[in-house]
Amino acid sequence: MILMLIILIITAAVLGIRLFVVKKEIKNISTQLNSYNNFSTGKKMDISLVDRDVETLGSEINTLIDHYVSAKREKISSENELKEGIASISHDLRTPLTSIKGYLQMVKSKDLSKSQREEYLNIALERSVHLEKLVNDFFELSKIESHDYTLRNERINMTEMTNEMVLSFYNGFKEKEVEPDINISSTPVFIMNDRAAVTRVLENLLSNALQYSKGGIGVTVRKNEDKVLLRVENSTEIIDEAHNPELFFDRFYIADKSRTGRSSGLGLAVTKSLMDKMNGRIRAEYDGERLAFTCEWQGAD
């Protein structure tokens, strides 16, 4: 009886000490959490604890802290990007509007000749077309990135489609005195994808190349094993080697930080979003003094 009593006393003492230690460790965790909540230092908890279960709890809390810190950084980054984007969009919309307003005000002048008035009206019309395209691109990009945007798969002859699209730019090439270097597979190559989306990608890349080319444009379509590759390239001004051409796909990216010229619009951002939706890939790279965009789709029989 006495032995049992001694065992019970020892057991109670051990449990009491263990309970005291656990309570102390829980209080320590609570203190650290309170400090974290008040100061948001991002400092992890000290989990060198005696009780294994409490140590596991501390480890899980540290994992949550990691997720929280990561989410907070992403939130700050997104907010900064949004602010820059709003500033960029505001400028892109305000610039043509200001220009249109200025030319229309000049048109009201009685001192203008008929030819001057016509010239200013044509410039205002050109600016309004640019503004309309910009607004349409914003809407298109929003639509593409929505969850409701769906694609229709169909068999597409990329050889035929690319030849037709290049031909549709004939007047533009002629006006800029550009002779495109066409390297399109003589053997038809096919993909299974959305015809409208692929057409838009082709149109955007050719339009971009024509607008910014400094003399040469190249278009290539070929099959590489089970993939179909489209490459559109144009000669360009020499750019800092440190510049990452992938930034061209960022909707808010502006190559000219001084913003002295017009924005390039959202064509490449739309193109990137469409390629993502089609489960394709697109990359940008500098090849000497040329800027090249390469699209890749899964080939089809």
Protein backbone atom coordinates (compact mmCIF):
# COMPACT_ATOMS: atom_id res chain seq x y z
CA MET A 1 0.00 0.00 0.00
CA ILE A 2 2.81 2.38 0.95
CA LEU A 3 4.69 1.41 -2.24
CA MET A 4 1.66 2.18 -4.37
CA LEU A 5 1.26 5.51 -2.62
CA ILE A 6 4.92 6.35 -3.28
CA ILE A 7 4.49 5.40 -6.96
CA LEU A 8 1.39 7.61 -7.22
CA ILE A 9 3.23 10.52 -5.59
CA ILE A 10 6.19 10.12 -7.96
CA THR A 11 3.86 9.81 -10.95
CA ALA A 12 1.93 12.89 -9.87
CA ALA A 13 5.19 14.77 -9.38
CA VAL A 14 6.44 13.78 -12.84
CA LEU A 15 3.13 14.70 -14.44
CA GLY A 16 3.08 17.95 -12.50
CA ILE A 17 6.57 18.85 -13.65
CA ARG A 18 5.70 17.86 -17.22
CA LEU A 19 2.51 19.93 -17.06
CA PHE A 20 4.48 22.87 -15.71
CA VAL A 21 7.05 22.56 -18.51
CA VAL A 22 4.35 22.24 -21.19
CA LYS A 23 2.45 25.24 -19.80
CA LYS A 24 5.69 27.22 -19.73
CA GLU A 25 6.46 26.27 -23.33
CA ILE A 26 2.91 27.12 -24.44
CA LYS A 27 3.22 30.46 -22.65
CA ASN A 28 6.53 31.00 -24.46
CA ILE A 29 4.85 30.26 -27.79
CA SER A 30 2.00 32.62 -26.89
CA THR A 31 4.50 35.37 -26.00
CA GLN A 32 6.35 34.90 -29.30
CA LEU A 33 3.09 34.94 -31.27
CA ASN A 34 1.97 38.09 -29.47
CA SER A 35 5.30 39.73 -30.30
CA TYR A 36 4.97 38.64 -33.91
CA ASN A 37 1.41 39.97 -34.20
CA ASN A 38 2.38 43.31 -32.67
CA PHE A 39 5.54 43.90 -34.67
CA SER A 40 5.18 41.60 -37.70
CA THR A 41 8.91 40.98 -37.74
CA GLY A 42 8.64 37.74 -39.72
CA LYS A 43 10.98 36.16 -37.18
CA LYS A 44 10.36 32.45 -36.73
CA MET A 45 9.54 30.88 -33.40
CA ASP A 46 12.14 29.16 -31.24
CA ILE A 47 11.07 25.52 -31.39
CA SER A 48 13.89 23.99 -29.34
CA LEU A 49 11.32 22.68 -26.88
CA VAL A 50 11.28 19.80 -24.43
CA ASP A 51 7.85 18.42 -25.31
CA ARG A 52 7.81 16.82 -28.76
CA ASP A 53 4.13 17.55 -29.40
CA VAL A 54 4.56 21.20 -28.47
CA GLU A 55 7.67 21.32 -30.66
CA THR A 56 5.62 19.93 -33.56
CA LEU A 57 3.01 22.63 -32.90
CA GLY A 58 5.74 25.27 -32.99
CA SER A 59 7.06 23.86 -36.27
CA GLU A 60 3.58 24.02 -37.83
CA ILE A 61 3.19 27.61 -36.63
CA ASN A 62 6.54 28.45 -38.26
CA THR A 63 5.25 26.98 -41.51
CA LEU A 64 2.18 29.22 -41.26
CA ILE A 65 4.46 32.20 -40.60
CA ASP A 66 6.44 31.34 -43.75
CA HIS A 67 3.22 31.22 -45.79
CA TYR A 68 2.03 34.50 -44.27
CA VAL A 69 5.32 36.30 -44.96
CA SER A 70 5.35 34.98 -48.54
CA ALA A 71 1.72 36.03 -49.10
CA LYS A 72 2.43 39.46 -47.63
CA ARG A 73 5.37 39.97 -49.97
CA GLU A 74 3.28 38.91 -52.96
CA LYS A 75 0.51 41.28 -51.85
CA ILE A 76 2.95 44.21 -51.61
CA SER A 77 4.43 43.29 -54.98
CA SER A 78 0.96 43.05 -56.56
CA GLU A 79 -0.08 46.37 -55.04
CA ASN A 80 3.05 48.07 -56.38
CA GLU A 81 2.50 46.50 -59.80
CA LEU A 82 -1.12 47.63 -59.75
CA LYS A 83 -0.11 51.19 -58.86
CA GLU A 84 2.44 51.25 -61.68
CA GLY A 85 -0.15 49.73 -63.99
CA ILE A 86 -2.78 52.33 -63.15
CA ALA A 87 -0.22 55.09 -63.72
CA SER A 88 0.77 53.48 -67.01
CA ILE A 89 -2.83 53.03 -68.17
CA SER A 90 -3.69 56.59 -67.16
CA HIS A 91 -0.77 57.90 -69.21
CA ASP A 92 -1.58 55.67 -72.18
CA LEU A 93 -5.17 56.92 -72.25
CA ARG A 94 -4.45 60.52 -71.35
CA THR A 95 -1.73 61.07 -73.98
CA PRO A 96 -3.88 60.47 -77.09
CA LEU A 97 -6.85 62.25 -75.48
CA THR A 98 -4.74 65.33 -74.78
CA SER A 99 -3.35 65.21 -78.30
CA ILE A 100 -6.81 64.89 -79.87
CA LYS A 101 -8.13 67.75 -77.76
CA GLY A 102 -5.18 69.94 -78.76
CA TYR A 103 -5.58 69.35 -82.49
CA LEU A 104 -9.36 69.85 -82.36
CA GLN A 105 -8.85 73.15 -80.55
CA MET A 106 -6.43 74.25 -83.27
CA VAL A 107 -8.97 73.28 -85.94
CA LYS A 108 -11.33 75.89 -84.46
CA SER A 109 -8.83 78.64 -85.26
CA LYS A 110 -10.02 80.94 -88.04
CA ASP A 111 -6.43 81.57 -89.13
CA LEU A 112 -5.94 78.02 -90.41
CA SER A 113 -5.90 77.27 -94.10
CA LYS A 114 -8.09 74.51 -95.48
CA SER A 115 -5.06 72.21 -95.92
CA GLN A 116 -3.86 72.82 -92.35
CA ARG A 117 -7.32 72.16 -90.96
CA GLU A 118 -7.52 68.91 -92.90
CA GLU A 119 -4.04 67.89 -91.71
CA TYR A 120 -4.95 68.48 -88.05
CA LEU A 121 -8.22 66.59 -88.42
CA ASN A 122 -6.36 63.63 -89.93
CA ILE A 123 -3.88 63.63 -87.03
CA ALA A 124 -6.74 63.77 -84.51
CA LEU A 125 -8.40 60.86 -86.31
CA GLU A 126 -5.15 58.88 -86.22
CA ARG A 127 -4.83 59.50 -82.48
CA SER A 128 -8.44 58.44 -81.91
CA VAL A 129 -7.82 55.18 -83.80
CA HIS A 130 -4.80 54.53 -81.57
CA LEU A 131 -6.91 55.25 -78.47
CA GLU A 132 -9.67 52.94 -79.67
CA LYS A 133 -7.16 50.12 -80.23
CA LEU A 134 -5.73 50.62 -76.77
CA VAL A 135 -9.16 50.45 -75.12
CA ASN A 136 -10.07 47.37 -77.19
CA ASP A 137 -6.82 45.69 -76.13
CA PHE A 138 -7.62 46.33 -72.46
CA PHE A 139 -11.05 44.73 -72.87
CA GLU A 140 -9.66 41.81 -74.86
CA LEU A 141 -6.96 41.09 -72.29
CA SER A 142 -9.51 41.17 -69.46
CA LYS A 143 -11.76 38.78 -71.39
CA ILE A 144 -8.94 36.35 -72.18
CA GLU A 145 -7.80 36.22 -68.55
CA SER A 146 -11.31 35.58 -67.21
CA HIS A 147 -12.34 32.06 -66.17
CA ASP A 148 -15.23 32.14 -68.64
CA TYR A 149 -12.97 32.42 -71.69
CA THR A 150 -13.14 29.17 -73.67
CA LEU A 151 -11.33 27.86 -76.74
CA ARG A 152 -12.53 25.59 -79.54
CA ASN A 153 -10.13 22.93 -80.75
CA GLU A 154 -9.88 22.32 -84.48
CA ARG A 155 -7.25 21.11 -86.91
CA ILE A 156 -5.27 24.08 -88.25
CA ASN A 157 -2.89 24.08 -91.19
CA MET A 158 -0.19 26.41 -89.87
CA THR A 159 1.60 26.51 -93.22
CA GLU A 160 -1.50 27.76 -94.99
CA MET A 161 -2.63 30.13 -92.23
CA THR A 162 0.79 31.79 -91.90
CA ASN A 163 1.14 32.26 -95.66
CA GLU A 164 -2.30 33.88 -95.80
CA MET A 165 -1.54 36.15 -92.84
CA VAL A 166 1.80 37.28 -94.30
CA LEU A 167 0.04 38.03 -97.58
CA SER A 168 -2.53 40.17 -95.74
CA PHE A 169 0.35 42.39 -94.56
CA TYR A 170 1.58 42.96 -98.13
CA ASN A 171 0.57 46.63 -98.24
CA GLY A 172 2.23 47.28 -94.88
CA PHE A 173 5.48 45.67 -96.03
CA LYS A 174 5.36 47.65 -99.27
CA GLU A 175 4.70 50.93 -97.46
CA LYS A 176 7.71 50.43 -95.16
CA GLU A 177 9.78 49.05 -98.05
CA VAL A 178 10.39 45.81 -96.16
CA GLU A 179 11.04 42.53 -97.95
CA PRO A 180 10.17 39.80 -95.42
CA ASP A 181 12.36 36.72 -95.27
CA ILE A 182 9.83 33.88 -95.41
CA ASN A 183 10.86 30.37 -94.35
CA ILE A 184 7.63 28.42 -94.15
CA SER A 185 7.68 24.64 -94.40
CA SER A 186 6.68 23.43 -97.86
CA THR A 187 5.17 20.39 -96.19
CA PRO A 188 1.95 21.32 -94.35
CA VAL A 189 2.25 21.26 -90.56
CA PHE A 190 -0.82 21.05 -88.34
CA ILE A 191 -1.87 21.85 -84.78
CA MET A 192 -5.10 21.26 -82.85
CA ASN A 193 -6.20 24.56 -81.35
CA ASP A 194 -8.52 27.55 -81.51
CA ARG A 195 -8.38 29.14 -84.97
CA ALA A 196 -9.36 32.64 -83.81
CA ALA A 197 -6.74 32.62 -81.04
CA VAL A 198 -3.95 31.42 -83.35
CA THR A 199 -4.95 34.01 -85.94
CA ARG A 200 -4.77 36.74 -83.29
CA VAL A 201 -1.30 35.60 -82.20
CA LEU A 202 -0.04 35.67 -85.80
CA GLU A 203 -1.61 39.06 -86.42
CA ASN A 204 -0.15 40.57 -83.24
CA LEU A 205 3.38 39.29 -83.87
CA LEU A 206 3.45 40.41 -87.51
CA SER A 207 1.95 43.79 -86.62
CA ASN A 208 4.52 44.28 -83.86
CA ALA A 209 7.39 43.30 -86.16
CA LEU A 210 6.19 45.65 -88.89
CA GLN A 211 5.71 48.56 -86.49
CA TYR A 212 9.12 48.32 -84.83
CA SER A 213 11.33 46.82 -87.52
CA LYS A 214 14.39 48.84 -88.50
CA GLY A 215 14.67 47.19 -91.89
CA GLY A 216 14.22 43.42 -91.81
CA ILE A 217 11.49 40.93 -90.88
CA GLY A 218 11.65 37.15 -90.82
CA VAL A 219 8.85 34.59 -90.54
CA THR A 220 9.53 30.89 -90.00
CA VAL A 221 7.18 27.94 -89.56
CA ARG A 222 8.62 24.47 -89.05
CA LYS A 223 8.10 21.22 -87.23
CA ASN A 224 10.53 20.16 -84.51
CA GLU A 225 9.85 16.55 -83.53
CA ASP A 226 6.28 16.61 -82.17
CA LYS A 227 6.14 20.42 -81.85
CA VAL A 228 5.22 23.15 -84.35
CA LEU A 229 7.27 26.33 -84.12
CA LEU A 230 6.41 29.81 -85.37
CA ARG A 231 9.18 32.42 -85.25
CA VAL A 232 8.65 36.09 -86.09
CA GLU A 233 11.69 38.36 -85.89
CA ASN A 234 12.61 41.89 -86.80
CA SER A 235 15.74 44.00 -86.81
CA THR A 236 15.82 46.36 -83.88
CA GLU A 237 17.90 49.01 -82.21
CA ILE A 238 20.76 47.73 -80.08
CA ILE A 239 19.45 47.38 -76.55
CA ASP A 240 21.32 46.99 -73.29
CA GLU A 241 22.42 43.36 -73.01
CA ALA A 242 21.11 43.31 -69.44
CA HIS A 243 17.58 43.95 -70.73
CA ASN A 244 15.29 40.94 -70.44
CA PRO A 245 13.15 40.64 -73.62
CA GLU A 246 10.59 38.56 -71.71
CA LEU A 247 9.50 41.86 -70.11
CA PHE A 248 7.79 42.74 -73.39
CA PHE A 249 4.99 40.35 -72.37
CA ASP A 250 4.27 42.34 -69.20
CA ARG A 251 1.13 44.41 -69.76
CA PHE A 252 2.53 47.27 -67.69
CA TYR A 253 6.06 47.21 -69.06
CA ILE A 254 7.36 50.33 -70.75
CA ALA A 255 10.70 50.08 -72.53
CA ASP A 256 11.14 53.86 -72.52
CA LYS A 257 10.98 54.81 -68.85
CA SER A 258 10.95 58.48 -69.80
CA ARG A 259 7.74 57.76 -71.74
CA THR A 260 8.64 60.28 -74.39
CA GLY A 261 7.08 58.22 -77.14
CA ARG A 262 3.93 56.22 -77.61
CA SER A 263 3.27 53.05 -75.68
CA SER A 264 3.61 49.83 -77.63
CA GLY A 265 0.14 48.89 -76.42
CA LEU A 266 -0.97 45.52 -75.11
CA GLY A 267 -0.56 43.37 -78.21
CA LEU A 268 2.25 41.24 -76.80
CA ALA A 269 0.52 40.86 -73.42
CA VAL A 270 -2.59 39.65 -75.28
CA THR A 271 -0.41 37.26 -77.31
CA LYS A 272 1.19 35.80 -74.16
CA SER A 273 -2.20 35.31 -72.49
CA LEU A 274 -3.58 33.57 -75.58
CA MET A 275 -0.56 31.24 -75.78
CA ASP A 276 -1.02 30.36 -72.10
CA LYS A 277 -4.71 29.63 -72.68
CA MET A 278 -3.81 27.38 -75.63
CA ASN A 279 -1.28 25.47 -73.48
CA GLY A 280 1.42 26.69 -75.83
CA ARG A 281 4.67 28.49 -75.13
CA ILE A 282 6.10 31.78 -76.32
CA ARG A 283 9.53 33.21 -75.66
CA ALA A 284 11.35 36.39 -76.63
CA GLU A 285 15.07 36.61 -77.28
CA TYR A 286 17.69 38.81 -78.89
CA ASP A 287 19.56 37.24 -81.78
CA GLY A 288 22.29 39.70 -82.67
CA GLU A 289 20.51 42.89 -83.71
CA ARG A 290 17.21 41.06 -84.09
CA LEU A 291 14.34 40.62 -81.67
CA ALA A 292 12.67 37.23 -82.13
CA PHE A 293 9.41 35.82 -80.78
CA THR A 294 9.00 32.04 -80.97
CA CYS A 295 5.68 30.27 -80.40
CA GLU A 296 5.45 26.54 -79.77
CA TRP A 297 2.39 24.31 -80.04
CA GLN A 298 1.84 20.59 -79.83
CA GLY A 299 1.80 19.25 -83.38
CA ALA A 300 -1.11 17.28 -84.85
CA ASP A 301 -1.40 14.70 -87.62
